[in-house]
Protein backbone atom coordinates (compact mmCIF):
# COMPACT_ATOMS: atom_id res chain seq x y z
CA MET A 1 66.40 75.31 207.40
CA PRO A 2 64.39 72.18 206.38
CA GLU A 3 65.19 68.81 208.11
CA THR A 4 67.21 66.45 205.99
CA GLU A 5 65.69 62.86 205.90
CA THR A 6 68.04 60.05 206.39
CA SER A 7 67.47 56.29 205.83
CA SER A 8 68.88 53.47 207.74
CA PRO A 9 70.98 50.89 205.95
CA PRO A 10 69.16 47.73 205.11
CA ALA A 11 69.14 45.02 208.03
CA GLN A 12 71.79 42.52 207.50
CA PRO A 13 71.22 38.63 207.99
CA LEU A 14 72.99 37.01 210.79
CA PHE A 15 76.80 36.93 210.04
CA TYR A 16 76.57 39.10 207.29
CA LYS A 17 78.14 42.89 207.46
CA SER A 18 77.63 43.90 204.00
CA LEU A 19 75.80 41.51 201.52
CA ARG A 20 75.82 42.82 198.01
CA PRO A 21 75.49 41.45 194.54
CA LEU A 22 78.38 40.04 192.73
CA ASP A 23 79.39 41.26 189.53
CA ALA A 24 81.64 39.73 187.04
CA SER A 25 83.03 43.15 185.78
CA ALA A 26 83.44 44.95 189.03
CA HIS A 27 84.59 42.03 191.03
CA SER A 28 86.71 40.07 188.67
CA ALA A 29 90.03 40.14 190.98
CA LEU A 30 88.00 38.95 194.12
CA ARG A 31 89.32 35.77 195.84
CA LEU A 32 88.17 33.79 198.79
CA LYS A 33 90.56 32.19 201.08
CA GLU A 34 89.59 28.88 202.61
CA GLY A 35 87.92 30.19 205.78
CA ASP A 36 86.93 28.92 209.10
CA PHE A 37 83.96 29.27 211.40
CA SER A 38 85.28 31.82 213.65
CA PHE A 39 82.29 34.01 212.58
CA THR A 40 79.86 31.84 214.36
CA ALA A 41 81.61 31.78 217.54
CA GLU A 42 79.38 34.16 219.33
CA SER A 43 76.24 32.52 218.14
CA PRO A 44 74.10 30.82 220.38
CA SER A 45 71.84 29.46 217.71
CA ILE A 46 71.74 29.37 213.86
CA PRO A 47 68.65 28.97 211.39
CA ILE A 48 67.92 25.54 209.79
CA VAL A 49 65.76 24.25 207.32
CA VAL A 50 63.53 21.24 207.12
CA SER A 51 65.81 19.15 205.31
CA GLU A 52 68.36 19.62 208.17
CA PHE A 53 66.08 18.26 210.91
CA ALA A 54 67.32 14.68 210.90
CA GLU A 55 71.14 15.71 211.12
CA ALA A 56 70.83 18.63 213.18
CA SER A 57 68.39 16.80 215.95
CA ARG A 58 71.24 14.08 216.46
CA HIS A 59 73.49 17.01 217.80
CA PHE A 60 71.55 20.07 218.84
CA PRO A 61 68.16 21.23 220.37
CA VAL A 62 65.83 22.11 217.63
CA VAL A 63 63.63 24.99 218.66
CA PHE A 64 61.50 27.79 216.93
CA ALA A 65 62.44 31.37 217.35
CA ALA A 66 59.82 33.32 219.56
CA ASN A 67 59.51 36.17 217.17
CA ASP A 68 59.08 34.51 213.74
CA ALA A 69 59.03 30.61 214.46
CA THR A 70 62.15 30.17 212.35
CA PRO A 71 63.71 26.71 213.30
CA LEU A 72 66.90 26.97 214.97
CA ALA A 73 69.81 24.80 215.85
CA VAL A 74 70.82 25.80 219.80
CA LEU A 75 74.56 25.78 219.74
CA GLY A 76 75.23 27.35 223.36
CA ILE A 77 73.47 28.62 226.19
CA ASP A 78 75.12 31.94 226.66
CA LEU A 79 76.54 33.95 223.94
CA ARG A 80 79.02 31.35 222.59
CA ASN A 81 78.83 28.53 220.01
CA VAL A 82 80.50 25.59 222.21
CA PHE A 83 80.97 23.73 218.82
CA VAL A 84 83.56 26.13 217.60
CA GLU A 85 86.96 26.30 218.95
CA ASN A 86 89.84 28.35 217.34
CA GLY A 87 87.70 28.34 214.18
CA ARG A 88 87.25 24.87 213.89
CA TRP A 89 84.01 23.17 214.03
CA ALA A 90 83.73 20.12 216.30
CA LYS A 91 84.68 16.89 214.69
CA ASP A 92 81.74 14.64 213.55
CA VAL A 93 79.28 17.20 214.44
CA TYR A 94 76.99 18.61 211.88
CA ILE A 95 77.62 21.99 210.45
CA PRO A 96 74.39 23.77 209.51
CA ALA A 97 73.75 24.77 205.92
CA TYR A 98 73.33 28.49 206.80
CA ALA A 99 76.94 28.51 207.97
CA ARG A 100 78.26 26.47 205.27
CA ARG A 101 76.97 28.99 202.53
CA TYR A 102 78.69 31.90 204.10
CA PRO A 103 79.80 34.33 202.81
CA PHE A 104 77.47 33.84 199.85
CA GLY A 105 73.91 34.61 199.86
CA PHE A 106 70.90 35.34 197.61
CA LEU A 107 69.39 38.90 197.30
CA ARG A 108 65.99 39.38 196.02
CA ILE A 109 65.61 41.87 192.59
CA ASP A 110 63.26 44.49 193.79
CA ASP A 111 59.89 42.91 194.48
CA SER A 112 60.13 40.31 192.02
CA SER A 113 60.45 36.33 192.49
CA ARG A 114 63.96 36.79 191.06
CA PHE A 115 67.24 36.47 193.18
CA ILE A 116 70.72 37.32 192.55
CA LEU A 117 73.89 35.76 194.06
CA GLY A 118 75.91 38.21 196.67
CA ILE A 119 78.65 37.96 198.86
CA ASP A 120 79.27 39.63 202.20
CA PHE A 121 82.02 42.22 201.42
CA GLY A 122 82.63 42.49 205.05
CA CYS A 123 84.04 38.87 205.10
CA GLU A 124 87.57 38.72 206.25
CA SER A 125 88.35 35.88 203.97
CA LEU A 126 87.63 37.95 200.82
CA THR A 127 90.77 39.27 199.33
CA GLU A 128 92.30 40.10 196.04
CA THR A 129 95.47 38.34 196.63
CA GLU A 130 94.84 35.11 198.24
CA GLY A 131 92.63 32.17 197.83
CA GLU A 132 90.29 30.62 195.12
CA PRO A 133 89.30 33.03 192.28
CA LEU A 134 85.40 33.88 192.07
CA PHE A 135 85.68 34.70 188.46
CA GLU A 136 87.77 33.22 185.57
CA LYS A 137 87.95 34.85 182.07
CA GLY A 138 84.99 37.01 182.99
CA MET A 139 82.66 34.00 184.03
CA PRO A 140 81.63 32.53 187.38
CA ALA A 141 84.65 30.17 188.63
CA ALA A 142 83.91 26.96 189.99
CA ILE A 143 83.58 28.19 193.50
CA THR A 144 81.02 30.76 192.53
CA GLN A 145 79.02 27.83 190.49
CA ARG A 146 78.84 25.83 193.47
CA ALA A 147 77.81 28.64 195.71
CA LEU A 148 74.93 29.52 193.25
CA GLY A 149 73.50 25.93 193.22
CA PHE A 150 73.92 25.84 197.13
CA CYS A 151 72.03 29.11 197.63
CA GLU A 152 69.33 27.97 195.04
CA ALA A 153 68.79 24.83 196.97
CA PHE A 154 68.69 26.76 200.10
CA ARG A 155 65.97 29.05 199.05
CA ASN A 156 63.75 26.19 198.03
CA GLU A 157 64.21 24.49 201.31
CA ALA A 158 63.52 27.70 202.97
CA GLU A 159 60.06 27.89 201.18
CA ALA A 160 59.16 24.37 202.38
CA THR A 161 60.31 25.23 205.97
CA HIS A 162 58.09 28.21 205.71
CA ALA A 163 55.03 26.05 204.86
CA PHE A 164 55.79 23.72 207.85
CA VAL A 165 56.07 26.69 210.21
CA ARG A 166 52.69 28.09 209.16
CA ALA A 167 51.15 24.76 209.56
CA LEU A 168 52.32 24.47 213.12
CA GLU A 169 51.02 28.10 213.79
CA GLY A 170 47.71 27.33 212.14
CA ARG A 171 47.10 24.61 214.35
CA ASP A 172 48.57 26.67 217.59
CA LEU A 173 51.12 24.11 218.34
CA LEU A 174 53.89 26.23 219.18
CA VAL A 175 54.24 27.53 222.83
CA GLU A 176 57.06 29.49 224.29
CA ARG A 177 59.43 28.09 226.50
CA ARG A 178 62.44 29.13 229.00
CA ALA A 179 65.14 26.94 230.13
CA ASP A 180 66.65 27.69 233.41
CA VAL A 181 70.21 26.23 234.40
CA VAL A 182 71.49 26.06 237.70
CA LEU A 183 75.32 25.65 237.97
CA ALA A 184 77.01 23.64 240.67
CA ASN A 185 78.71 26.78 241.70
CA GLY A 186 75.22 28.61 242.29
CA ARG A 187 75.23 30.55 239.15
CA ASN A 188 71.96 30.97 236.93
CA LEU A 189 71.60 30.68 233.33
CA ALA A 190 68.51 31.40 231.51
CA LEU A 191 67.82 30.47 227.74
CA ASP A 192 64.69 32.09 226.64
CA GLY A 193 63.14 33.26 223.46
CA PHE A 194 62.13 30.29 221.84
CA LYS A 195 59.13 28.02 221.02
CA VAL A 196 58.63 24.29 221.24
CA VAL A 197 55.67 22.11 219.80
CA ASP A 198 53.13 21.38 222.64
CA ALA A 199 53.23 17.71 222.76
CA GLU A 200 49.65 17.33 224.34
CA ARG A 201 48.17 19.51 221.55
CA PHE A 202 50.29 17.47 218.96
CA ALA A 203 49.06 14.30 220.20
CA ILE A 204 45.16 15.27 219.58
CA LEU A 205 45.55 16.36 216.02
CA ASP A 206 42.41 15.26 214.23
CA ALA A 207 43.01 12.36 211.68
CA PRO A 208 42.64 14.43 208.41
CA THR A 209 45.30 16.60 209.52
CA LEU A 210 47.59 13.73 210.60
CA SER A 211 47.17 12.23 207.16
CA GLU A 212 47.96 15.24 205.35
CA TRP A 213 50.92 16.03 207.61
CA HIS A 214 52.30 12.25 207.31
CA GLY A 215 52.01 12.67 203.61
CA ARG A 216 54.10 15.77 203.60
CA GLY A 217 56.60 14.62 205.89
CA TRP A 218 55.64 16.97 208.78
CA LEU A 219 54.74 14.20 211.33
CA GLY A 220 58.56 13.08 211.11
CA LEU A 221 59.62 16.69 211.56
CA VAL A 222 57.90 17.14 214.72
CA THR A 223 58.83 13.99 216.20
CA LEU A 224 62.54 14.76 215.30
CA HIS A 225 62.11 18.16 216.87
CA LEU A 226 60.77 16.78 220.16
CA ALA A 227 63.29 14.32 220.57
CA SER A 228 66.20 16.98 219.87
CA LEU A 229 65.05 18.65 223.19
CA ASP A 230 66.95 16.02 224.95
CA ARG A 231 70.21 17.70 223.43
CA PHE A 232 69.85 20.19 225.95
CA ARG A 233 71.65 18.18 228.56
CA GLU A 234 74.39 17.41 226.20
CA LEU A 235 74.81 20.78 225.09
CA LEU A 236 75.36 21.75 228.96
CA ALA A 237 77.82 19.23 229.29
CA ARG A 238 79.84 20.41 226.29
CA ARG A 239 79.61 23.84 227.63
CA SER A 240 80.94 22.66 231.02
CA ALA A 241 83.68 20.90 229.44
CA THR A 242 84.83 23.87 227.64
CA SER A 243 84.40 26.46 230.29
CA ASP A 244 85.76 27.34 233.73
CA ASP A 245 82.24 26.74 235.21
CA THR A 246 81.59 23.49 237.13
CA PRO A 247 78.88 21.31 235.69
CA PRO A 248 75.34 22.28 235.94
CA LEU A 249 72.88 20.69 238.59
CA THR A 250 69.48 21.13 236.80
CA ILE A 251 67.73 22.45 233.95
CA GLU A 252 64.06 23.13 233.96
CA ASP A 253 61.69 24.16 231.15
CA LYS A 254 59.41 26.82 231.96
CA PRO A 255 56.76 28.83 230.22
CA GLN A 256 57.98 32.10 228.86
CA ALA A 257 55.41 34.57 227.86
CA GLN A 258 57.09 37.52 227.05
CA ALA A 259 60.43 36.33 225.08
CA GLU A 260 61.16 38.00 221.85
CA GLU A 261 64.26 36.48 220.50
CA LEU A 262 66.64 33.47 221.21
CA GLN A 263 69.16 35.01 223.58
CA SER A 264 71.18 34.17 226.62
CA ASN A 265 71.14 36.07 229.87
CA GLU A 266 73.68 35.29 232.52
CA LYS A 267 73.03 36.46 235.96
CA ASP A 268 74.47 36.13 239.33
CA SER A 269 72.26 34.46 241.91
C-alpha cells in the first residue's frame, strides 16, 4: 500500500492561531469585540520595528533574537509578561505595535510582492454577535480600514528594520548574551537566546560607516538599544513586585554561544 504524503500546516506568527485572508462576501457577518492583551500574558518578548526603538527603550530592554536578529522588547524574565495583568497593559507603558495590530495581519500573495489583509480566526474576540462590524454593505468598515493602514505601515517599517539588522550583522556587531539572575531566596533565573551590540566593536567603526549610519539614523538606534539594557533591573523589580519571589540580588551578563531563541529557563539552585 503506497504511503500517503501529509503536509504540516504553515507556521503561524507569534500570537496567531489561524491567520487567513479576510473576504467581504464570506465574512460579512464578522465582528470584533473590544479586546484586551491577555494573548500576550505568556510572552517574555515581542518583536518591534525601528520606529519603536525610542518609545520601547524607555520601558523595556531592547535586544535581538539569537536565531534571526529580529529586534525584541523584553517583557519578562520567565514565561510571563510582567506588563499585563488581567488582560490590561500597565498604565503609561508603551504597547508595541505588533500587539496593537492583533488580530489583523498581512499575508503575502504567493511569491509576489503583494499582500492581503488577514485576521486570526482563532482570536477569542472575533464573533458574529458582538463588537464592531468588519464589513458594512459589502465594504470594509472603519475598523478594517484602520487595520489595513496600520498593517501597511508596519510592513514598511519591517523592511526598514531588516535593512538595519543586516547592517549590524554585516559589521559583525551582534554578540550573544545570557543574563543570569540570582533571587534573594537562592533561586536562579536565566534569560538566554538573545544578542546585543558589542559596544567595543561599535566604538571603532570606520569613518565612512559612521557617516552613512548617521545619515540613515542607525547610530541613534544603536545608542537607544545600548541604553535600554539598563531596563533589565527595572524589569526584575516589576517582576518581583508582581510575584511571590523575593527581590533579585544580582544580574550578570554572560556570553552565550549556543542560544537559539529568546526563552526563559527557571531552575532550582
